[in-house]
Amino acid sequence: MAYKLLVDELLEDDFYLIGIHTSLEHIRLAYFANKYLQLQFKRCASDLDFKTDEQLAYFALFHHQDIYREVDYYLVENKISYLPQKKPTAGSLFQDLPTNTRNLNLIPEYPKVDFWLKIENESDENEILGFVSKLKKINQVLTAYIIDASKLKSKHHLIFN
């Protein structure tokens, strides 16, 4: 007898998610997160790739692993802008270049969030609340708050391994 596994059965909500609103670029936010949270975020060898109908999009991804506590921290962009690729029309001498940029969100339920801080295997909620208050101390961070990941429809976009 064959068994069917649904994707939801494979996903465990064993992580905390913090939404960050900021005007900082990803490298600057990673620097300040390292400084204020005492972490060591490093840019991953490959960004998080996300296929749309129009093209492949890349979200900057940073990772820190605390091997002693077995906790993984991920910092990932939520917003990117891109120029959609048009297919050349037959018989045109010049390629039709797109002029309008489009925005894409990793988690479309929260389009105003600029970055996500995903914390896997952390059981201490006070630690998470401390991270939120420390992130708010960064001058360029407008706000940071905890998101209930169990209510996200697109939480499968947050699988990085």
C-alpha atoms as a PDB file:
ATOM      1  CA  MET A   1       0.000   0.000   0.000  1.00  0.00           C
ATOM      2  CA  ALA A   2       1.415   3.389  -0.990  1.00  0.00           C
ATOM      3  CA  TYR A   3       1.605   6.243   1.475  1.00  0.00           C
ATOM      4  CA  LYS A   4       1.226   9.905   0.645  1.00  0.00           C
ATOM      5  CA  LEU A   5       3.087  12.543   2.599  1.00  0.00           C
ATOM      6  CA  LEU A   6       1.922  16.100   2.407  1.00  0.00           C
ATOM      7  CA  VAL A   7       4.484  18.872   2.491  1.00  0.00           C
ATOM      8  CA  ASP A   8       2.826  20.275   5.615  1.00  0.00           C
ATOM      9  CA  GLU A   9       3.550  17.019   7.419  1.00  0.00           C
ATOM     10  CA  LEU A  10       7.240  17.393   6.684  1.00  0.00           C
ATOM     11  CA  LEU A  11       7.416  20.984   7.869  1.00  0.00           C
ATOM     12  CA  GLU A  12       7.676  21.403  11.576  1.00  0.00           C
ATOM     13  CA  ASP A  13       7.215  24.797  13.130  1.00  0.00           C
ATOM     14  CA  ASP A  14      10.425  24.372  15.058  1.00  0.00           C
ATOM     15  CA  PHE A  15      11.590  27.895  14.347  1.00  0.00           C
ATOM     16  CA  TYR A  16      10.965  31.500  15.250  1.00  0.00           C
ATOM     17  CA  LEU A  17      10.581  34.176  12.631  1.00  0.00           C
ATOM     18  CA  ILE A  18      11.329  37.866  13.105  1.00  0.00           C
ATOM     19  CA  GLY A  19      10.253  40.422  10.509  1.00  0.00           C
ATOM     20  CA  ILE A  20      12.596  43.400  10.090  1.00  0.00           C
ATOM     21  CA  HIS A  21      11.725  46.755   8.489  1.00  0.00           C
ATOM     22  CA  THR A  22      14.833  48.702   7.489  1.00  0.00           C
ATOM     23  CA  SER A  23      16.372  50.796   4.741  1.00  0.00           C
ATOM     24  CA  LEU A  24      19.739  49.050   5.121  1.00  0.00           C
ATOM     25  CA  GLU A  25      21.252  46.915   2.390  1.00  0.00           C
ATOM     26  CA  HIS A  26      21.682  43.246   3.200  1.00  0.00           C
ATOM     27  CA  ILE A  27      25.424  43.445   3.894  1.00  0.00           C
ATOM     28  CA  ARG A  28      25.011  46.390   6.284  1.00  0.00           C
ATOM     29  CA  LEU A  29      22.148  44.688   8.121  1.00  0.00           C
ATOM     30  CA  ALA A  30      24.226  41.516   8.514  1.00  0.00           C
ATOM     31  CA  TYR A  31      27.080  43.637   9.915  1.00  0.00           C
ATOM     32  CA  PHE A  32      24.824  45.356  12.464  1.00  0.00           C
ATOM     33  CA  ALA A  33      23.086  42.083  13.357  1.00  0.00           C
ATOM     34  CA  ASN A  34      26.504  40.576  14.074  1.00  0.00           C
ATOM     35  CA  LYS A  35      27.410  43.572  16.211  1.00  0.00           C
ATOM     36  CA  TYR A  36      24.169  43.889  18.203  1.00  0.00           C
ATOM     37  CA  LEU A  37      23.181  40.215  18.458  1.00  0.00           C
ATOM     38  CA  GLN A  38      26.731  38.876  18.966  1.00  0.00           C
ATOM     39  CA  LEU A  39      26.347  36.499  16.018  1.00  0.00           C
ATOM     40  CA  GLN A  40      28.644  35.770  13.103  1.00  0.00           C
ATOM     41  CA  PHE A  41      26.485  35.906   9.999  1.00  0.00           C
ATOM     42  CA  LYS A  42      28.303  34.920   6.847  1.00  0.00           C
ATOM     43  CA  ARG A  43      26.965  35.158   3.324  1.00  0.00           C
ATOM     44  CA  CYS A  44      26.026  31.721   2.025  1.00  0.00           C
ATOM     45  CA  ALA A  45      27.907  30.406  -0.991  1.00  0.00           C
ATOM     46  CA  SER A  46      24.708  30.530  -2.998  1.00  0.00           C
ATOM     47  CA  ASP A  47      21.771  32.854  -2.554  1.00  0.00           C
ATOM     48  CA  LEU A  48      18.243  31.604  -2.182  1.00  0.00           C
ATOM     49  CA  ASP A  49      16.972  31.134  -5.725  1.00  0.00           C
ATOM     50  CA  PHE A  50      13.297  31.495  -6.431  1.00  0.00           C
ATOM     51  CA  LYS A  51      11.712  30.752  -9.791  1.00  0.00           C
ATOM     52  CA  THR A  52       8.942  33.015 -11.027  1.00  0.00           C
ATOM     53  CA  ASP A  53       6.973  32.798 -14.247  1.00  0.00           C
ATOM     54  CA  GLU A  54       9.278  35.374 -15.781  1.00  0.00           C
ATOM     55  CA  GLN A  55      12.736  34.463 -14.504  1.00  0.00           C
ATOM     56  CA  LEU A  56      14.894  33.183 -11.684  1.00  0.00           C
ATOM     57  CA  ALA A  57      15.203  35.577  -8.720  1.00  0.00           C
ATOM     58  CA  TYR A  58      17.897  35.536  -6.036  1.00  0.00           C
ATOM     59  CA  PHE A  59      17.485  36.579  -2.409  1.00  0.00           C
ATOM     60  CA  ALA A  60      20.613  37.310  -0.339  1.00  0.00           C
ATOM     61  CA  LEU A  61      21.028  34.688   2.388  1.00  0.00           C
ATOM     62  CA  PHE A  62      23.250  34.804   5.487  1.00  0.00           C
ATOM     63  CA  HIS A  63      23.785  31.988   7.977  1.00  0.00           C
ATOM     64  CA  HIS A  64      25.210  31.563  11.474  1.00  0.00           C
ATOM     65  CA  GLN A  65      25.365  28.235  13.270  1.00  0.00           C
ATOM     66  CA  ASP A  66      25.808  27.941  17.022  1.00  0.00           C
ATOM     67  CA  ILE A  67      27.257  24.434  17.214  1.00  0.00           C
ATOM     68  CA  TYR A  68      27.218  24.329  21.012  1.00  0.00           C
ATOM     69  CA  ARG A  69      23.506  25.094  21.350  1.00  0.00           C
ATOM     70  CA  GLU A  70      22.592  23.513  17.974  1.00  0.00           C
ATOM     71  CA  VAL A  71      20.766  26.650  16.847  1.00  0.00           C
ATOM     72  CA  ASP A  72      20.776  27.925  13.259  1.00  0.00           C
ATOM     73  CA  TYR A  73      20.205  31.574  12.384  1.00  0.00           C
ATOM     74  CA  TYR A  74      19.298  32.747   8.892  1.00  0.00           C
ATOM     75  CA  LEU A  75      19.005  36.311   7.651  1.00  0.00           C
ATOM     76  CA  VAL A  76      17.284  36.556   4.272  1.00  0.00           C
ATOM     77  CA  GLU A  77      15.902  39.325   2.093  1.00  0.00           C
ATOM     78  CA  ASN A  78      12.164  39.490   1.637  1.00  0.00           C
ATOM     79  CA  LYS A  79      12.072  42.051  -1.196  1.00  0.00           C
ATOM     80  CA  ILE A  80      13.903  42.266  -4.468  1.00  0.00           C
ATOM     81  CA  SER A  81      13.357  44.357  -7.585  1.00  0.00           C
ATOM     82  CA  TYR A  82      14.061  43.025 -11.041  1.00  0.00           C
ATOM     83  CA  LEU A  83      13.532  43.764 -14.713  1.00  0.00           C
ATOM     84  CA  PRO A  84      11.361  41.090 -16.321  1.00  0.00           C
ATOM     85  CA  GLN A  85      12.962  39.345 -19.272  1.00  0.00           C
ATOM     86  CA  LYS A  86      11.047  39.652 -22.507  1.00  0.00           C
ATOM     87  CA  LYS A  87      11.308  37.156 -25.300  1.00  0.00           C
ATOM     88  CA  PRO A  88      12.564  38.806 -28.486  1.00  0.00           C
ATOM     89  CA  THR A  89       9.884  39.280 -31.090  1.00  0.00           C
ATOM     90  CA  ALA A  90      10.447  37.793 -34.502  1.00  0.00           C
ATOM     91  CA  GLY A  91      11.635  40.241 -37.103  1.00  0.00           C
ATOM     92  CA  SER A  92      12.667  43.012 -34.719  1.00  0.00           C
ATOM     93  CA  LEU A  93      16.069  44.514 -35.284  1.00  0.00           C
ATOM     94  CA  PHE A  94      16.485  45.653 -31.703  1.00  0.00           C
ATOM     95  CA  GLN A  95      15.639  43.684 -28.628  1.00  0.00           C
ATOM     96  CA  ASP A  96      12.626  44.955 -26.699  1.00  0.00           C
ATOM     97  CA  LEU A  97      14.082  46.029 -23.370  1.00  0.00           C
ATOM     98  CA  PRO A  98      11.804  46.139 -20.339  1.00  0.00           C
ATOM     99  CA  THR A  99      11.511  49.506 -18.672  1.00  0.00           C
ATOM    100  CA  ASN A 100       9.391  48.764 -15.609  1.00  0.00           C
ATOM    101  CA  THR A 101      10.918  47.072 -12.608  1.00  0.00           C
ATOM    102  CA  ARG A 102       8.877  44.556 -10.700  1.00  0.00           C
ATOM    103  CA  ASN A 103       8.989  43.701  -7.031  1.00  0.00           C
ATOM    104  CA  LEU A 104       9.007  40.182  -5.670  1.00  0.00           C
ATOM    105  CA  ASN A 105       8.529  39.109  -2.052  1.00  0.00           C
ATOM    106  CA  LEU A 106       9.793  35.857  -0.619  1.00  0.00           C
ATOM    107  CA  ILE A 107       6.842  35.842   1.793  1.00  0.00           C
ATOM    108  CA  PRO A 108       4.029  37.664  -0.031  1.00  0.00           C
ATOM    109  CA  GLU A 109       1.802  37.777   3.065  1.00  0.00           C
ATOM    110  CA  TYR A 110       4.140  40.436   4.493  1.00  0.00           C
ATOM    111  CA  PRO A 111       5.116  42.676   1.560  1.00  0.00           C
ATOM    112  CA  LYS A 112       6.411  45.498   3.777  1.00  0.00           C
ATOM    113  CA  VAL A 113       8.929  43.331   5.657  1.00  0.00           C
ATOM    114  CA  ASP A 114      12.421  43.907   4.252  1.00  0.00           C
ATOM    115  CA  PHE A 115      14.261  41.005   5.904  1.00  0.00           C
ATOM    116  CA  TRP A 116      13.521  37.844   7.842  1.00  0.00           C
ATOM    117  CA  LEU A 117      15.518  36.483  10.742  1.00  0.00           C
ATOM    118  CA  LYS A 118      14.758  32.775  11.033  1.00  0.00           C
ATOM    119  CA  ILE A 119      15.935  31.023  14.192  1.00  0.00           C
ATOM    120  CA  GLU A 120      15.790  27.220  14.143  1.00  0.00           C
ATOM    121  CA  ASN A 121      15.831  24.942  17.211  1.00  0.00           C
ATOM    122  CA  GLU A 122      15.687  27.755  19.779  1.00  0.00           C
ATOM    123  CA  SER A 123      13.442  26.920  22.703  1.00  0.00           C
ATOM    124  CA  ASP A 124      13.919  30.045  24.834  1.00  0.00           C
ATOM    125  CA  GLU A 125      11.331  32.660  23.887  1.00  0.00           C
ATOM    126  CA  ASN A 126      13.068  35.231  26.125  1.00  0.00           C
ATOM    127  CA  GLU A 127      16.128  34.926  23.883  1.00  0.00           C
ATOM    128  CA  ILE A 128      13.954  35.724  20.866  1.00  0.00           C
ATOM    129  CA  LEU A 129      12.366  38.717  22.602  1.00  0.00           C
ATOM    130  CA  GLY A 130      15.877  39.908  23.443  1.00  0.00           C
ATOM    131  CA  PHE A 131      16.827  39.691  19.761  1.00  0.00           C
ATOM    132  CA  VAL A 132      13.810  41.790  18.823  1.00  0.00           C
ATOM    133  CA  SER A 133      14.699  44.519  21.320  1.00  0.00           C
ATOM    134  CA  LYS A 134      18.363  44.499  20.232  1.00  0.00           C
ATOM    135  CA  LEU A 135      17.391  44.758  16.560  1.00  0.00           C
ATOM    136  CA  LYS A 136      15.218  47.774  17.373  1.00  0.00           C
ATOM    137  CA  LYS A 137      18.295  49.502  18.829  1.00  0.00           C
ATOM    138  CA  ILE A 138      19.920  49.621  15.382  1.00  0.00           C
ATOM    139  CA  ASN A 139      19.328  53.189  14.169  1.00  0.00           C
ATOM    140  CA  GLN A 140      18.303  52.250  10.634  1.00  0.00           C
ATOM    141  CA  VAL A 141      15.888  49.509  11.747  1.00  0.00           C
ATOM    142  CA  LEU A 142      12.392  50.969  11.846  1.00  0.00           C
ATOM    143  CA  THR A 143      10.856  48.010  13.649  1.00  0.00           C
ATOM    144  CA  ALA A 144      11.236  44.287  14.276  1.00  0.00           C
ATOM    145  CA  TYR A 145       8.642  41.842  15.539  1.00  0.00           C
ATOM    146  CA  ILE A 146       7.913  38.141  15.906  1.00  0.00           C
ATOM    147  CA  ILE A 147       5.730  36.521  13.239  1.00  0.00           C
ATOM    148  CA  ASP A 148       3.606  33.450  13.901  1.00  0.00           C
ATOM    149  CA  ALA A 149       5.086  31.158  11.246  1.00  0.00           C
ATOM    150  CA  SER A 150       2.345  28.555  11.639  1.00  0.00           C
ATOM    151  CA  LYS A 151      -0.129  30.952   9.996  1.00  0.00           C
ATOM    152  CA  LEU A 152       2.002  31.623   6.917  1.00  0.00           C
ATOM    153  CA  LYS A 153       0.781  30.141   3.654  1.00  0.00           C
ATOM    154  CA  SER A 154       4.220  30.392   2.050  1.00  0.00           C
ATOM    155  CA  LYS A 155       6.382  29.124   4.914  1.00  0.00           C
ATOM    156  CA  HIS A 156       7.814  26.519   2.547  1.00  0.00           C
ATOM    157  CA  HIS A 157       9.819  29.408   1.023  1.00  0.00           C
ATOM    158  CA  LEU A 158      11.790  29.468   4.277  1.00  0.00           C
ATOM    159  CA  ILE A 159      13.410  26.056   3.830  1.00  0.00           C
ATOM    160  CA  PHE A 160      17.090  26.777   3.243  1.00  0.00           C
ATOM    161  CA  ASN A 161      18.762  23.363   3.604  1.00  0.00           C
END
